[in-house]
Amino acid sequence: MDVQVDWPSTEAEWDRAEAREIGAAHPERAWVSTDRDVWHRNPFYSGPEVPILKMTKPCSSLRSTESKHGAQRRCHAP
């Protein structure tokens, strides 16, 4: 018997698949971030609506003691 698996074919599809996997593991989170540093609504979240925040300051305005990766996440995090 042949089993056909529908693997994601684009980076965006892989990113959405990763977001679904993370969301399934963490249904308490309204938003999940993937390795590509992209935020997705968690389809498994069932709590109150949590809007994504708009960036109010550029990342460069964050304290220099923060790591670059941490600053980017803080800058774009919901």
N, C-alpha and C. Protein backbone atom coordinates (compact mmCIF):
# COMPACT_ATOMS: atom_id res chain seq x y z
N MET A 1 0.84 -1.18 0.00
CA MET A 1 0.00 0.00 0.00
C MET A 1 0.89 1.24 0.00
N ASP A 2 0.64 2.16 -0.93
CA ASP A 2 1.37 3.42 -1.00
C ASP A 2 0.69 4.45 -0.12
N VAL A 3 1.49 5.16 0.64
CA VAL A 3 0.98 6.23 1.49
C VAL A 3 1.50 7.54 0.93
N GLN A 4 0.60 8.43 0.61
CA GLN A 4 0.99 9.72 0.09
C GLN A 4 0.94 10.74 1.22
N VAL A 5 2.05 11.43 1.41
CA VAL A 5 2.14 12.46 2.44
C VAL A 5 2.21 13.80 1.74
N ASP A 6 1.36 14.72 2.13
CA ASP A 6 1.36 16.06 1.55
C ASP A 6 2.29 16.96 2.36
N TRP A 7 3.55 16.97 1.97
CA TRP A 7 4.53 17.82 2.64
C TRP A 7 4.40 19.25 2.14
N PRO A 8 4.64 20.23 3.00
CA PRO A 8 4.62 21.62 2.54
C PRO A 8 5.66 21.81 1.43
N SER A 9 5.33 22.64 0.45
CA SER A 9 6.24 22.81 -0.67
C SER A 9 6.91 24.17 -0.73
N THR A 10 6.43 25.14 0.03
CA THR A 10 7.05 26.47 0.04
C THR A 10 7.49 26.82 1.46
N GLU A 11 8.35 27.83 1.57
CA GLU A 11 8.78 28.27 2.91
C GLU A 11 7.59 28.73 3.74
N ALA A 12 6.65 29.41 3.12
CA ALA A 12 5.47 29.90 3.85
C ALA A 12 4.64 28.73 4.38
N GLU A 13 4.50 27.68 3.56
CA GLU A 13 3.74 26.51 4.02
C GLU A 13 4.47 25.81 5.16
N TRP A 14 5.80 25.70 5.06
CA TRP A 14 6.57 25.10 6.17
C TRP A 14 6.40 25.94 7.43
N ASP A 15 6.41 27.26 7.27
CA ASP A 15 6.28 28.16 8.41
C ASP A 15 4.91 27.98 9.08
N ARG A 16 3.84 27.90 8.28
CA ARG A 16 2.50 27.69 8.84
C ARG A 16 2.39 26.32 9.51
N ALA A 17 3.03 25.32 8.91
CA ALA A 17 3.01 23.98 9.51
C ALA A 17 3.72 24.00 10.87
N GLU A 18 4.84 24.71 10.94
CA GLU A 18 5.56 24.82 12.22
C GLU A 18 4.69 25.55 13.25
N ALA A 19 4.00 26.60 12.82
CA ALA A 19 3.14 27.36 13.73
C ALA A 19 2.02 26.46 14.27
N ARG A 20 1.44 25.62 13.41
CA ARG A 20 0.39 24.69 13.88
C ARG A 20 0.95 23.71 14.89
N GLU A 21 2.15 23.21 14.64
CA GLU A 21 2.77 22.25 15.56
C GLU A 21 3.05 22.90 16.92
N ILE A 22 3.59 24.11 16.90
CA ILE A 22 3.87 24.84 18.15
C ILE A 22 2.55 25.14 18.86
N GLY A 23 1.55 25.59 18.10
CA GLY A 23 0.25 25.93 18.68
C GLY A 23 -0.43 24.74 19.33
N ALA A 24 -0.31 23.58 18.70
CA ALA A 24 -0.92 22.38 19.28
C ALA A 24 -0.26 22.03 20.60
N ALA A 25 1.04 22.27 20.70
CA ALA A 25 1.77 21.98 21.94
C ALA A 25 1.53 23.03 23.02
N HIS A 26 1.10 24.24 22.61
CA HIS A 26 0.89 25.35 23.56
C HIS A 26 -0.45 26.04 23.28
N PRO A 27 -1.57 25.37 23.55
CA PRO A 27 -2.87 25.97 23.25
C PRO A 27 -3.20 27.19 24.12
N GLU A 28 -2.43 27.41 25.17
CA GLU A 28 -2.68 28.57 26.04
C GLU A 28 -2.14 29.87 25.44
N ARG A 29 -1.36 29.79 24.37
CA ARG A 29 -0.78 30.97 23.73
C ARG A 29 -1.65 31.43 22.56
N ALA A 30 -2.00 32.72 22.55
CA ALA A 30 -2.82 33.25 21.46
C ALA A 30 -2.01 33.39 20.18
N TRP A 31 -0.74 33.69 20.31
CA TRP A 31 0.16 33.87 19.17
C TRP A 31 1.37 32.99 19.35
N VAL A 32 1.91 32.46 18.26
CA VAL A 32 3.14 31.67 18.32
C VAL A 32 4.12 32.22 17.29
N SER A 33 5.40 32.14 17.63
CA SER A 33 6.47 32.61 16.75
C SER A 33 7.24 31.41 16.24
N THR A 34 7.55 31.42 14.96
CA THR A 34 8.29 30.32 14.35
C THR A 34 9.78 30.65 14.30
N ASP A 35 10.57 29.69 13.84
CA ASP A 35 12.01 29.91 13.72
C ASP A 35 12.35 31.02 12.74
N ARG A 36 11.44 31.34 11.84
CA ARG A 36 11.68 32.42 10.88
C ARG A 36 11.33 33.78 11.49
N ASP A 37 10.99 33.80 12.78
CA ASP A 37 10.64 35.02 13.51
C ASP A 37 9.38 35.67 12.94
N VAL A 38 8.41 34.81 12.60
CA VAL A 38 7.12 35.26 12.09
C VAL A 38 6.06 34.86 13.10
N TRP A 39 5.15 35.79 13.39
CA TRP A 39 4.09 35.51 14.36
C TRP A 39 2.83 35.04 13.64
N HIS A 40 2.18 34.03 14.20
CA HIS A 40 0.94 33.47 13.66
C HIS A 40 -0.09 33.36 14.77
N ARG A 41 -1.36 33.56 14.42
CA ARG A 41 -2.43 33.27 15.38
C ARG A 41 -2.41 31.77 15.65
N ASN A 42 -2.60 31.40 16.89
CA ASN A 42 -2.62 29.99 17.25
C ASN A 42 -4.03 29.43 17.01
N PRO A 43 -4.19 28.51 16.06
CA PRO A 43 -5.53 27.98 15.79
C PRO A 43 -6.08 27.12 16.92
N PHE A 44 -5.23 26.75 17.88
CA PHE A 44 -5.66 25.91 19.00
C PHE A 44 -6.00 26.73 20.25
N TYR A 45 -5.79 28.04 20.19
CA TYR A 45 -6.08 28.94 21.31
C TYR A 45 -7.58 29.19 21.39
N SER A 46 -8.14 29.10 22.59
CA SER A 46 -9.59 29.30 22.73
C SER A 46 -9.93 30.36 23.77
N GLY A 47 -8.96 31.17 24.18
CA GLY A 47 -9.21 32.20 25.18
C GLY A 47 -9.72 33.49 24.56
N PRO A 48 -9.70 34.57 25.34
CA PRO A 48 -10.16 35.86 24.83
C PRO A 48 -9.25 36.37 23.72
N GLU A 49 -9.80 37.21 22.87
CA GLU A 49 -9.05 37.79 21.75
C GLU A 49 -7.83 38.56 22.28
N VAL A 50 -6.69 38.31 21.67
CA VAL A 50 -5.45 38.99 22.03
C VAL A 50 -4.90 39.63 20.76
N PRO A 51 -5.05 40.96 20.63
CA PRO A 51 -4.56 41.62 19.40
C PRO A 51 -3.04 41.64 19.37
N ILE A 52 -2.49 41.66 18.18
CA ILE A 52 -1.05 41.80 18.04
C ILE A 52 -0.73 43.28 18.17
N LEU A 53 0.31 43.61 18.92
CA LEU A 53 0.68 45.01 19.14
C LEU A 53 1.49 45.53 17.97
N LYS A 54 1.29 46.78 17.65
CA LYS A 54 2.09 47.40 16.60
C LYS A 54 3.39 47.90 17.23
N MET A 55 4.44 47.85 16.46
CA MET A 55 5.74 48.30 16.94
C MET A 55 5.68 49.82 17.13
N THR A 56 6.06 50.29 18.30
CA THR A 56 6.02 51.73 18.58
C THR A 56 7.40 52.36 18.52
N LYS A 57 8.46 51.56 18.67
CA LYS A 57 9.83 52.07 18.61
C LYS A 57 10.63 51.15 17.70
N PRO A 58 11.55 51.70 16.95
CA PRO A 58 12.40 50.83 16.13
C PRO A 58 13.28 49.95 17.02
N CYS A 59 13.64 48.80 16.52
CA CYS A 59 14.47 47.87 17.30
C CYS A 59 15.76 48.51 17.76
N SER A 60 16.30 49.42 16.99
CA SER A 60 17.57 50.05 17.33
C SER A 60 17.46 50.90 18.59
N SER A 61 16.24 51.25 19.01
CA SER A 61 16.07 52.08 20.20
C SER A 61 16.08 51.26 21.49
N LEU A 62 16.12 49.92 21.38
CA LEU A 62 16.14 49.08 22.57
C LEU A 62 17.51 49.12 23.21
N ARG A 63 17.60 48.76 24.48
CA ARG A 63 18.87 48.80 25.19
C ARG A 63 19.93 47.96 24.49
N SER A 64 21.14 48.46 24.47
CA SER A 64 22.21 47.76 23.77
C SER A 64 22.64 46.50 24.50
N THR A 65 22.24 46.32 25.77
CA THR A 65 22.63 45.13 26.51
C THR A 65 21.82 43.91 26.09
N GLU A 66 20.74 44.12 25.36
CA GLU A 66 19.92 42.99 24.91
C GLU A 66 20.55 42.38 23.67
N SER A 67 20.40 41.08 23.54
CA SER A 67 20.92 40.42 22.34
C SER A 67 20.14 40.89 21.13
N LYS A 68 20.77 40.82 19.97
CA LYS A 68 20.09 41.24 18.75
C LYS A 68 18.82 40.41 18.53
N HIS A 69 18.91 39.10 18.73
CA HIS A 69 17.74 38.24 18.52
C HIS A 69 16.65 38.58 19.52
N GLY A 70 17.03 38.79 20.77
CA GLY A 70 16.05 39.15 21.80
C GLY A 70 15.39 40.48 21.51
N ALA A 71 16.20 41.44 21.03
CA ALA A 71 15.65 42.75 20.70
C ALA A 71 14.65 42.65 19.56
N GLN A 72 14.94 41.85 18.57
CA GLN A 72 14.01 41.69 17.46
C GLN A 72 12.71 41.07 17.94
N ARG A 73 12.80 40.06 18.78
CA ARG A 73 11.58 39.43 19.27
C ARG A 73 10.78 40.41 20.12
N ARG A 74 11.44 41.18 20.97
CA ARG A 74 10.73 42.14 21.80
C ARG A 74 10.09 43.22 20.93
N CYS A 75 10.75 43.58 19.88
CA CYS A 75 10.27 44.62 19.01
C CYS A 75 9.02 44.19 18.24
N HIS A 76 8.94 42.94 17.86
CA HIS A 76 7.85 42.46 17.04
C HIS A 76 6.87 41.56 17.79
N ALA A 77 7.14 41.29 19.04
CA ALA A 77 6.30 40.35 19.80
C ALA A 77 4.92 40.94 20.05
N PRO A 78 3.89 40.08 20.01
CA PRO A 78 2.55 40.58 20.34
C PRO A 78 2.39 40.77 21.84
